[in-house]
C-alpha atoms as a PDB file:
ATOM      1  CA  MET A   1    -143.320 -52.274  31.909  1.00  0.00           C
ATOM      2  CA  LYS A   2    -140.866 -52.477  28.777  1.00  0.00           C
ATOM      3  CA  PHE A   3    -137.054 -51.586  29.763  1.00  0.00           C
ATOM      4  CA  THR A   4    -136.121 -49.166  27.379  1.00  0.00           C
ATOM      5  CA  SER A   5    -132.198 -48.390  27.195  1.00  0.00           C
ATOM      6  CA  LYS A   6    -130.808 -44.859  28.113  1.00  0.00           C
ATOM      7  CA  GLU A   7    -129.415 -42.826  25.213  1.00  0.00           C
ATOM      8  CA  LEU A   8    -125.528 -42.943  26.173  1.00  0.00           C
ATOM      9  CA  THR A   9    -122.892 -40.208  25.684  1.00  0.00           C
ATOM     10  CA  PRO A  10    -119.688 -42.284  24.603  1.00  0.00           C
ATOM     11  CA  TYR A  11    -117.149 -39.372  24.732  1.00  0.00           C
ATOM     12  CA  LEU A  12    -117.875 -37.408  27.730  1.00  0.00           C
ATOM     13  CA  SER A  13    -115.214 -39.424  29.714  1.00  0.00           C
ATOM     14  CA  ALA A  14    -113.674 -42.712  29.652  1.00  0.00           C
ATOM     15  CA  ARG A  15    -116.449 -44.213  32.310  1.00  0.00           C
ATOM     16  CA  HIS A  16    -119.297 -43.072  29.622  1.00  0.00           C
ATOM     17  CA  PHE A  17    -116.882 -44.996  27.118  1.00  0.00           C
ATOM     18  CA  PHE A  18    -116.644 -48.098  29.360  1.00  0.00           C
ATOM     19  CA  GLY A  19    -120.326 -48.311  28.994  1.00  0.00           C
ATOM     20  CA  ALA A  20    -121.139 -47.413  26.065  1.00  0.00           C
ATOM     21  CA  GLU A  21    -118.200 -50.135  24.678  1.00  0.00           C
ATOM     22  CA  GLN A  22    -120.105 -52.628  27.699  1.00  0.00           C
ATOM     23  CA  ARG A  23    -123.629 -52.166  25.594  1.00  0.00           C
ATOM     24  CA  ARG A  24    -122.277 -52.406  22.204  1.00  0.00           C
ATOM     25  CA  HIS A  25    -120.463 -55.333  22.842  1.00  0.00           C
ATOM     26  CA  ARG A  26    -123.365 -57.020  24.943  1.00  0.00           C
ATOM     27  CA  GLU A  27    -126.027 -55.991  21.805  1.00  0.00           C
ATOM     28  CA  ARG A  28    -123.167 -57.569  19.170  1.00  0.00           C
ATOM     29  CA  ALA A  29    -123.534 -60.602  21.232  1.00  0.00           C
ATOM     30  CA  LYS A  30    -127.511 -60.519  21.538  1.00  0.00           C
ATOM     31  CA  LEU A  31    -127.743 -60.311  25.182  1.00  0.00           C
ATOM     32  CA  SER A  32    -130.044 -58.761  27.580  1.00  0.00           C
ATOM     33  CA  LEU A  33    -128.872 -57.506  30.537  1.00  0.00           C
ATOM     34  CA  VAL A  34    -130.457 -60.219  32.746  1.00  0.00           C
ATOM     35  CA  GLN A  35    -127.922 -62.726  30.296  1.00  0.00           C
ATOM     36  CA  LEU A  36    -125.215 -61.226  30.546  1.00  0.00           C
ATOM     37  CA  ALA A  37    -125.452 -60.624  34.559  1.00  0.00           C
ATOM     38  CA  ASN A  38    -126.018 -64.485  34.461  1.00  0.00           C
ATOM     39  CA  ILE A  39    -122.802 -65.190  32.352  1.00  0.00           C
ATOM     40  CA  VAL A  40    -120.495 -62.399  34.676  1.00  0.00           C
ATOM     41  CA  ASN A  41    -121.767 -62.933  38.131  1.00  0.00           C
ATOM     42  CA  PHE A  42    -122.943 -59.104  38.573  1.00  0.00           C
ATOM     43  CA  GLY A  43    -126.894 -57.701  38.795  1.00  0.00           C
ATOM     44  CA  LYS A  44    -128.748 -56.242  36.044  1.00  0.00           C
ATOM     45  CA  SER A  45    -129.041 -53.312  37.848  1.00  0.00           C
ATOM     46  CA  THR A  46    -125.337 -52.760  38.300  1.00  0.00           C
ATOM     47  CA  LEU A  47    -124.804 -53.273  34.736  1.00  0.00           C
ATOM     48  CA  ALA A  48    -127.368 -51.096  33.448  1.00  0.00           C
ATOM     49  CA  ARG A  49    -125.815 -48.126  35.599  1.00  0.00           C
ATOM     50  CA  VAL A  50    -121.991 -49.142  34.404  1.00  0.00           C
ATOM     51  CA  GLU A  51    -123.872 -48.826  30.662  1.00  0.00           C
ATOM     52  CA  ALA A  52    -125.293 -45.685  31.748  1.00  0.00           C
ATOM     53  CA  ALA A  53    -122.320 -44.264  33.203  1.00  0.00           C
ATOM     54  CA  GLU A  54    -124.232 -43.771  36.813  1.00  0.00           C
ATOM     55  CA  LEU A  55    -121.833 -46.187  38.492  1.00  0.00           C
ATOM     56  CA  MET A  56    -118.049 -46.116  38.668  1.00  0.00           C
ATOM     57  CA  PRO A  57    -117.261 -50.204  36.705  1.00  0.00           C
ATOM     58  CA  PRO A  58    -116.406 -52.726  40.047  1.00  0.00           C
ATOM     59  CA  PRO A  59    -112.972 -53.798  39.898  1.00  0.00           C
ATOM     60  CA  GLU A  60    -113.998 -57.301  39.423  1.00  0.00           C
ATOM     61  CA  LEU A  61    -116.247 -56.371  36.382  1.00  0.00           C
ATOM     62  CA  PRO A  62    -113.375 -55.755  33.118  1.00  0.00           C
ATOM     63  CA  ALA A  63    -112.035 -59.058  33.377  1.00  0.00           C
ATOM     64  CA  ALA A  64    -115.498 -60.673  33.895  1.00  0.00           C
ATOM     65  CA  LEU A  65    -116.471 -58.529  30.660  1.00  0.00           C
ATOM     66  CA  ASP A  66    -112.939 -59.326  28.799  1.00  0.00           C
ATOM     67  CA  ALA A  67    -113.945 -63.058  29.487  1.00  0.00           C
ATOM     68  CA  ALA A  68    -117.335 -62.913  28.204  1.00  0.00           C
ATOM     69  CA  PHE A  69    -116.890 -61.113  25.320  1.00  0.00           C
ATOM     70  CA  GLY A  70    -113.616 -62.653  24.076  1.00  0.00           C
ATOM     71  CA  THR A  71    -111.877 -59.034  24.042  1.00  0.00           C
ATOM     72  CA  GLU A  72    -108.457 -59.618  25.956  1.00  0.00           C
ATOM     73  CA  GLU A  73    -107.802 -56.677  28.130  1.00  0.00           C
ATOM     74  CA  HIS A  74    -110.078 -54.268  26.426  1.00  0.00           C
ATOM     75  CA  PHE A  75    -112.142 -53.803  29.245  1.00  0.00           C
ATOM     76  CA  HIS A  76    -109.324 -53.862  31.404  1.00  0.00           C
ATOM     77  CA  GLY A  77    -107.307 -50.578  29.558  1.00  0.00           C
ATOM     78  CA  LEU A  78    -110.816 -48.706  29.659  1.00  0.00           C
ATOM     79  CA  TYR A  79    -110.973 -49.036  33.878  1.00  0.00           C
ATOM     80  CA  GLN A  80    -107.771 -48.164  34.147  1.00  0.00           C
ATOM     81  CA  LEU A  81    -108.558 -44.623  32.443  1.00  0.00           C
ATOM     82  CA  ALA A  82    -112.030 -44.831  34.198  1.00  0.00           C
ATOM     83  CA  LYS A  83    -111.159 -45.152  37.452  1.00  0.00           C
ATOM     84  CA  ARG A  84    -109.078 -41.992  37.712  1.00  0.00           C
ATOM     85  CA  GLU A  85    -112.350 -40.114  37.085  1.00  0.00           C
ATOM     86  CA  ALA A  86    -113.533 -41.318  40.531  1.00  0.00           C
ATOM     87  CA  HIS A  87    -111.056 -38.872  42.094  1.00  0.00           C
ATOM     88  CA  PRO A  88    -110.398 -34.671  42.125  1.00  0.00           C
ATOM     89  CA  ASP A  89    -108.070 -33.775  40.047  1.00  0.00           C
ATOM     90  CA  GLN A  90    -105.485 -32.258  42.508  1.00  0.00           C
ATOM     91  CA  TYR A  91    -105.160 -36.152  43.353  1.00  0.00           C
ATOM     92  CA  ARG A  92    -104.929 -37.437  39.751  1.00  0.00           C
ATOM     93  CA  ARG A  93    -100.879 -36.335  39.489  1.00  0.00           C
ATOM     94  CA  PHE A  94    -100.635 -38.609  42.865  1.00  0.00           C
ATOM     95  CA  MET A  95    -102.126 -41.196  41.507  1.00  0.00           C
ATOM     96  CA  ASP A  96    -100.152 -41.989  38.697  1.00  0.00           C
ATOM     97  CA  PHE A  97     -96.889 -41.675  40.431  1.00  0.00           C
ATOM     98  CA  GLU A  98     -98.216 -43.948  43.622  1.00  0.00           C
ATOM     99  CA  ALA A  99     -99.555 -46.601  40.653  1.00  0.00           C
ATOM    100  CA  ARG A 100     -95.616 -46.457  39.385  1.00  0.00           C
ATOM    101  CA  ALA A 101     -93.884 -46.546  42.544  1.00  0.00           C
ATOM    102  CA  GLU A 102     -91.054 -48.950  43.604  1.00  0.00           C
ATOM    103  CA  VAL A 103     -91.565 -48.066  47.389  1.00  0.00           C
ATOM    104  CA  ILE A 104     -94.525 -46.185  48.853  1.00  0.00           C
ATOM    105  CA  GLU A 105     -94.268 -44.798  52.386  1.00  0.00           C
ATOM    106  CA  VAL A 106     -97.183 -43.613  54.090  1.00  0.00           C
ATOM    107  CA  TYR A 107     -98.111 -41.824  57.761  1.00  0.00           C
ATOM    108  CA  GLU A 108    -101.751 -41.578  58.693  1.00  0.00           C
ATOM    109  CA  PRO A 109    -103.161 -39.922  61.511  1.00  0.00           C
ATOM    110  CA  GLN A 110    -106.887 -40.603  61.796  1.00  0.00           C
ATOM    111  CA  ALA A 111    -107.488 -43.564  59.659  1.00  0.00           C
ATOM    112  CA  VAL A 112    -106.270 -46.617  58.127  1.00  0.00           C
ATOM    113  CA  PRO A 113    -104.365 -45.396  54.599  1.00  0.00           C
ATOM    114  CA  GLY A 114    -106.479 -46.335  51.377  1.00  0.00           C
ATOM    115  CA  LEU A 115    -104.074 -49.226  50.276  1.00  0.00           C
ATOM    116  CA  LEU A 116    -104.732 -51.585  53.303  1.00  0.00           C
ATOM    117  CA  GLN A 117    -108.262 -50.534  53.968  1.00  0.00           C
ATOM    118  CA  THR A 118    -111.035 -53.150  54.135  1.00  0.00           C
ATOM    119  CA  LYS A 119    -114.169 -52.408  51.583  1.00  0.00           C
ATOM    120  CA  GLU A 120    -116.487 -51.828  54.575  1.00  0.00           C
ATOM    121  CA  TYR A 121    -114.116 -49.686  56.550  1.00  0.00           C
ATOM    122  CA  ALA A 122    -113.551 -48.007  53.288  1.00  0.00           C
ATOM    123  CA  ARG A 123    -117.652 -47.178  52.909  1.00  0.00           C
ATOM    124  CA  ASP A 124    -117.938 -46.023  56.381  1.00  0.00           C
ATOM    125  CA  SER A 125    -114.867 -43.988  56.081  1.00  0.00           C
ATOM    126  CA  LEU A 126    -116.429 -42.474  53.079  1.00  0.00           C
ATOM    127  CA  GLY A 127    -120.142 -42.149  54.028  1.00  0.00           C
ATOM    128  CA  CYS A 128    -119.746 -39.811  56.484  1.00  0.00           C
ATOM    129  CA  GLN A 129    -118.935 -37.076  54.164  1.00  0.00           C
ATOM    130  CA  GLU A 130    -122.090 -35.032  53.694  1.00  0.00           C
ATOM    131  CA  ASP A 131    -121.218 -33.753  50.438  1.00  0.00           C
ATOM    132  CA  LEU A 132    -121.087 -37.137  48.684  1.00  0.00           C
ATOM    133  CA  ALA A 133    -124.364 -38.876  47.578  1.00  0.00           C
ATOM    134  CA  LYS A 134    -124.462 -42.966  48.157  1.00  0.00           C
ATOM    135  CA  GLU A 135    -123.716 -43.408  44.615  1.00  0.00           C
ATOM    136  CA  GLN A 136    -120.634 -41.264  45.147  1.00  0.00           C
ATOM    137  CA  VAL A 137    -119.402 -43.154  47.814  1.00  0.00           C
ATOM    138  CA  GLU A 138    -119.719 -46.466  45.666  1.00  0.00           C
ATOM    139  CA  GLU A 139    -117.282 -45.176  43.080  1.00  0.00           C
ATOM    140  CA  ARG A 140    -115.189 -44.362  45.457  1.00  0.00           C
ATOM    141  CA  VAL A 141    -114.959 -47.057  47.516  1.00  0.00           C
ATOM    142  CA  ASN A 142    -114.690 -49.360  43.823  1.00  0.00           C
ATOM    143  CA  ALA A 143    -111.985 -46.421  43.303  1.00  0.00           C
ATOM    144  CA  ARG A 144    -110.236 -47.155  46.181  1.00  0.00           C
ATOM    145  CA  MET A 145    -110.206 -51.049  46.044  1.00  0.00           C
ATOM    146  CA  SER A 146    -108.708 -50.681  42.598  1.00  0.00           C
ATOM    147  CA  ARG A 147    -105.725 -48.998  43.866  1.00  0.00           C
ATOM    148  CA  GLN A 148    -105.119 -52.112  46.011  1.00  0.00           C
ATOM    149  CA  GLU A 149    -104.625 -54.056  42.450  1.00  0.00           C
ATOM    150  CA  ARG A 150    -100.995 -54.146  42.222  1.00  0.00           C
ATOM    151  CA  LEU A 151    -100.439 -55.267  45.715  1.00  0.00           C
ATOM    152  CA  HIS A 152    -101.355 -58.367  44.591  1.00  0.00           C
ATOM    153  CA  SER A 153     -99.365 -58.473  41.574  1.00  0.00           C
ATOM    154  CA  ALA A 154     -95.592 -59.606  41.065  1.00  0.00           C
ATOM    155  CA  ALA A 155     -95.158 -55.790  40.608  1.00  0.00           C
ATOM    156  CA  ARG A 156     -95.929 -55.111  43.996  1.00  0.00           C
ATOM    157  CA  PRO A 157     -94.127 -52.062  45.649  1.00  0.00           C
ATOM    158  CA  TYR A 158     -92.436 -52.063  49.021  1.00  0.00           C
ATOM    159  CA  ARG A 159     -94.950 -50.533  51.660  1.00  0.00           C
ATOM    160  CA  TRP A 160     -93.997 -48.740  55.102  1.00  0.00           C
ATOM    161  CA  VAL A 161     -96.763 -47.745  56.899  1.00  0.00           C
ATOM    162  CA  ILE A 162     -96.824 -45.496  59.562  1.00  0.00           C
ATOM    163  CA  ILE A 163    -100.500 -44.867  61.685  1.00  0.00           C
ATOM    164  CA  ASP A 164    -100.918 -43.153  65.191  1.00  0.00           C
ATOM    165  CA  GLU A 165    -102.590 -44.934  67.751  1.00  0.00           C
ATOM    166  CA  ALA A 166    -105.932 -42.962  67.534  1.00  0.00           C
ATOM    167  CA  VAL A 167    -106.570 -44.802  64.418  1.00  0.00           C
ATOM    168  CA  LEU A 168    -106.909 -48.024  66.417  1.00  0.00           C
ATOM    169  CA  ARG A 169    -109.191 -46.366  68.767  1.00  0.00           C
ATOM    170  CA  ARG A 170    -111.539 -44.812  66.259  1.00  0.00           C
ATOM    171  CA  HIS A 171    -114.572 -46.968  65.583  1.00  0.00           C
ATOM    172  CA  ALA A 172    -115.616 -47.133  62.207  1.00  0.00           C
ATOM    173  CA  GLY A 173    -118.485 -49.532  60.809  1.00  0.00           C
ATOM    174  CA  GLY A 174    -118.797 -51.828  63.826  1.00  0.00           C
ATOM    175  CA  ARG A 175    -117.082 -53.593  65.840  1.00  0.00           C
ATOM    176  CA  GLU A 176    -116.902 -56.469  63.350  1.00  0.00           C
ATOM    177  CA  CYS A 177    -115.960 -54.101  60.518  1.00  0.00           C
ATOM    178  CA  MET A 178    -112.934 -52.904  62.752  1.00  0.00           C
ATOM    179  CA  HIS A 179    -111.854 -56.600  64.198  1.00  0.00           C
ATOM    180  CA  LYS A 180    -111.623 -57.089  60.375  1.00  0.00           C
ATOM    181  CA  GLN A 181    -109.872 -54.195  59.684  1.00  0.00           C
ATOM    182  CA  LEU A 182    -107.139 -54.376  62.544  1.00  0.00           C
ATOM    183  CA  ALA A 183    -106.535 -58.059  61.155  1.00  0.00           C
ATOM    184  CA  ARG A 184    -105.716 -56.779  57.867  1.00  0.00           C
ATOM    185  CA  LEU A 185    -103.165 -54.383  59.484  1.00  0.00           C
ATOM    186  CA  LEU A 186    -101.783 -57.301  61.093  1.00  0.00           C
ATOM    187  CA  GLU A 187    -101.403 -59.750  58.082  1.00  0.00           C
ATOM    188  CA  GLN A 188     -99.163 -56.990  56.811  1.00  0.00           C
ATOM    189  CA  MET A 189     -97.305 -56.058  59.828  1.00  0.00           C
ATOM    190  CA  ASP A 190     -94.131 -57.680  58.894  1.00  0.00           C
ATOM    191  CA  THR A 191     -93.877 -59.156  55.394  1.00  0.00           C
ATOM    192  CA  PRO A 192     -91.058 -59.207  52.897  1.00  0.00           C
ATOM    193  CA  ASP A 193     -92.822 -56.302  51.248  1.00  0.00           C
ATOM    194  CA  SER A 194     -95.256 -54.712  53.832  1.00  0.00           C
ATOM    195  CA  LYS A 195     -93.788 -52.842  57.301  1.00  0.00           C
ATOM    196  CA  VAL A 196     -96.763 -51.580  59.731  1.00  0.00           C
ATOM    197  CA  GLN A 197     -95.818 -49.095  62.793  1.00  0.00           C
ATOM    198  CA  VAL A 198     -97.759 -47.365  65.371  1.00  0.00           C
ATOM    199  CA  MET A 199     -96.673 -44.294  67.135  1.00  0.00           C
ATOM    200  CA  PRO A 200     -98.196 -44.521  70.400  1.00  0.00           C
ATOM    201  CA  PHE A 201    -100.208 -42.011  72.239  1.00  0.00           C
ATOM    202  CA  SER A 202     -97.273 -42.250  74.750  1.00  0.00           C
ATOM    203  CA  ALA A 203     -94.935 -40.307  72.211  1.00  0.00           C
ATOM    204  CA  GLY A 204     -96.890 -37.166  72.952  1.00  0.00           C
ATOM    205  CA  PRO A 205     -97.106 -34.633  70.141  1.00  0.00           C
ATOM    206  CA  TYR A 206     -94.899 -34.905  67.536  1.00  0.00           C
ATOM    207  CA  PRO A 207     -94.450 -32.703  64.002  1.00  0.00           C
ATOM    208  CA  LEU A 208     -96.585 -34.604  61.486  1.00  0.00           C
ATOM    209  CA  MET A 209     -99.608 -34.800  63.858  1.00  0.00           C
ATOM    210  CA  GLY A 210    -101.433 -32.333  61.344  1.00  0.00           C
ATOM    211  CA  GLY A 211    -101.671 -34.071  58.192  1.00  0.00           C
ATOM    212  CA  ALA A 212    -101.065 -37.303  56.225  1.00  0.00           C
ATOM    213  CA  LEU A 213     -98.139 -37.848  54.111  1.00  0.00           C
ATOM    214  CA  ASN A 214     -96.484 -40.333  50.712  1.00  0.00           C
ATOM    215  CA  LEU A 215     -93.593 -40.601  49.899  1.00  0.00           C
ATOM    216  CA  LEU A 216     -93.289 -42.233  46.766  1.00  0.00           C
ATOM    217  CA  THR A 217     -89.798 -43.555  45.212  1.00  0.00           C
ATOM    218  CA  LEU A 218     -90.103 -44.135  41.369  1.00  0.00           C
ATOM    219  CA  PRO A 219     -88.162 -46.952  39.562  1.00  0.00           C
ATOM    220  CA  ASP A 220     -85.786 -44.261  38.175  1.00  0.00           C
ATOM    221  CA  GLY A 221     -84.639 -43.424  42.109  1.00  0.00           C
ATOM    222  CA  SER A 222     -86.905 -40.015  42.462  1.00  0.00           C
ATOM    223  CA  THR A 223     -88.733 -39.469  45.210  1.00  0.00           C
ATOM    224  CA  MET A 224     -92.213 -37.525  45.561  1.00  0.00           C
ATOM    225  CA  ALA A 225     -93.449 -36.344  48.969  1.00  0.00           C
ATOM    226  CA  TYR A 226     -97.523 -35.943  49.133  1.00  0.00           C
ATOM    227  CA  GLU A 227     -98.673 -34.280  52.223  1.00  0.00           C
ATOM    228  CA  GLU A 228    -102.591 -33.721  52.623  1.00  0.00           C
ATOM    229  CA  GLY A 229    -104.397 -31.455  55.207  1.00  0.00           C
ATOM    230  CA  ILE A 230    -107.942 -31.346  55.403  1.00  0.00           C
ATOM    231  CA  GLU A 231    -108.940 -29.295  52.718  1.00  0.00           C
ATOM    232  CA  ALA A 232    -105.715 -29.118  50.981  1.00  0.00           C
ATOM    233  CA  ALA A 233    -103.211 -31.005  49.572  1.00  0.00           C
ATOM    234  CA  HIS A 234     -99.748 -30.671  47.904  1.00  0.00           C
ATOM    235  CA  LEU A 235     -97.521 -32.913  45.897  1.00  0.00           C
ATOM    236  CA  HIS A 236     -93.830 -32.023  46.335  1.00  0.00           C
ATOM    237  CA  GLU A 237     -91.598 -33.093  43.282  1.00  0.00           C
ATOM    238  CA  ASP A 238     -88.605 -30.281  43.995  1.00  0.00           C
ATOM    239  CA  SER A 239     -85.906 -32.532  45.434  1.00  0.00           C
ATOM    240  CA  GLU A 240     -84.992 -30.163  48.454  1.00  0.00           C
ATOM    241  CA  ALA A 241     -88.491 -30.269  49.494  1.00  0.00           C
ATOM    242  CA  VAL A 242     -88.907 -34.161  49.682  1.00  0.00           C
ATOM    243  CA  LYS A 243     -85.796 -33.817  51.657  1.00  0.00           C
ATOM    244  CA  LYS A 244     -87.227 -32.328  54.275  1.00  0.00           C
ATOM    245  CA  TRP A 245     -90.241 -34.280  54.219  1.00  0.00           C
ATOM    246  CA  ARG A 246     -88.090 -37.133  54.006  1.00  0.00           C
ATOM    247  CA  ARG A 247     -86.085 -36.226  57.451  1.00  0.00           C
ATOM    248  CA  ARG A 248     -89.662 -35.722  59.408  1.00  0.00           C
ATOM    249  CA  TYR A 249     -90.586 -39.050  58.605  1.00  0.00           C
ATOM    250  CA  GLU A 250     -87.573 -40.840  59.303  1.00  0.00           C
ATOM    251  CA  VAL A 251     -87.847 -39.073  62.843  1.00  0.00           C
ATOM    252  CA  LEU A 252     -91.342 -40.226  63.272  1.00  0.00           C
ATOM    253  CA  ARG A 253     -89.813 -43.928  62.118  1.00  0.00           C
ATOM    254  CA  ALA A 254     -87.603 -44.115  64.656  1.00  0.00           C
ATOM    255  CA  ASN A 255     -89.741 -42.747  66.858  1.00  0.00           C
ATOM    256  CA  ALA A 256     -92.773 -45.267  66.630  1.00  0.00           C
ATOM    257  CA  LEU A 257     -93.250 -48.572  68.257  1.00  0.00           C
ATOM    258  CA  SER A 258     -91.074 -51.624  66.697  1.00  0.00           C
ATOM    259  CA  LEU A 259     -93.351 -53.719  64.512  1.00  0.00           C
ATOM    260  CA  ALA A 260     -93.338 -56.237  67.242  1.00  0.00           C
ATOM    261  CA  GLU A 261     -94.717 -53.352  69.973  1.00  0.00           C
ATOM    262  CA  SER A 262     -96.840 -52.264  67.184  1.00  0.00           C
ATOM    263  CA  ALA A 263     -98.737 -55.717  67.048  1.00  0.00           C
ATOM    264  CA  ASP A 264     -99.229 -55.990  70.437  1.00  0.00           C
ATOM    265  CA  LEU A 265    -100.967 -52.633  70.395  1.00  0.00           C
ATOM    266  CA  ILE A 266    -103.091 -53.728  67.645  1.00  0.00           C
ATOM    267  CA  ARG A 267    -103.890 -57.257  68.929  1.00  0.00           C
ATOM    268  CA  THR A 268    -104.518 -54.709  72.391  1.00  0.00           C
ATOM    269  CA  ALA A 269    -106.994 -52.754  70.750  1.00  0.00           C
ATOM    270  CA  MET A 270    -108.681 -55.914  68.885  1.00  0.00           C
ATOM    271  CA  GLU A 271    -109.766 -57.439  71.978  1.00  0.00           C
ATOM    272  CA  ASP A 272    -112.025 -54.096  72.356  1.00  0.00           C
ATOM    273  CA  TYR A 273    -113.947 -55.076  68.555  1.00  0.00           C
ATOM    274  CA  LYS A 274    -114.701 -58.487  69.259  1.00  0.00           C
ATOM    275  CA  PRO A 275    -118.267 -59.723  68.634  1.00  0.00           C
ATOM    276  CA  CYS A 276    -120.619 -59.252  71.933  1.00  0.00           C
ATOM    277  CA  ASP A 277    -121.614 -62.480  74.027  1.00  0.00           C
ATOM    278  CA  THR A 278    -125.107 -62.515  73.468  1.00  0.00           C
ATOM    279  CA  GLN A 279    -125.643 -66.209  75.102  1.00  0.00           C
ATOM    280  CA  PRO A 280    -127.332 -66.259  78.559  1.00  0.00           C
ATOM    281  CA  SER A 281    -125.391 -66.766  81.556  1.00  0.00           C
END
């Protein structure tokens, strides 16, 4: 059966424009989808869906396309716009601030913060949302992974993360997934630009248990507070409102386990996720 390219609508969104540009450069280079797939090391079906704007471009694809077509950072730039469309409108301003922040302080009571998630953990966490189709889950996963790109650059922000002990105990993606995820936390536990603390069950109730909190400090010294509940979130830019959330975060930091104690608790939790010994006794 002959493959028929879908008609594109390049000016509908940044994602549609990315796909149209991929096809334009591919056809100008006289490459089929199969040939381009071999060059950039992505599946033909993935490239076809990216061209048709049915799939958010995977984070590694823009650089591969720029290298294949000699387009410098053309696709990289398009991706910076397209990846924002994988998030609801109310989060976009927060994402803009996060992308520029020099210091990122996070509290999460239920899940590993997105900036520290493995791809497998992110996929399982997002997959439980019944209103998201499989394709939408993959889009959100790729968008979440793209947020981590800055952490590997020379301009990476300083991060301080506080998580509730419940994050360590709630299974996501199976034993191997959780073991790898907690290992990722340990890697970020106490580095020159990353710290992780755990709020233990033994601490009892505390004011921030009801939702997540992000404090973002920008290069000019201003700080934004982003607090998020189950269905609603609010970005606080007023200095007085930010002070209130800053005080609550500092109290939380003072009452959480030390970095060394937090690392010990994470290692203890990892023991529960070691692969089962299937060898006969």
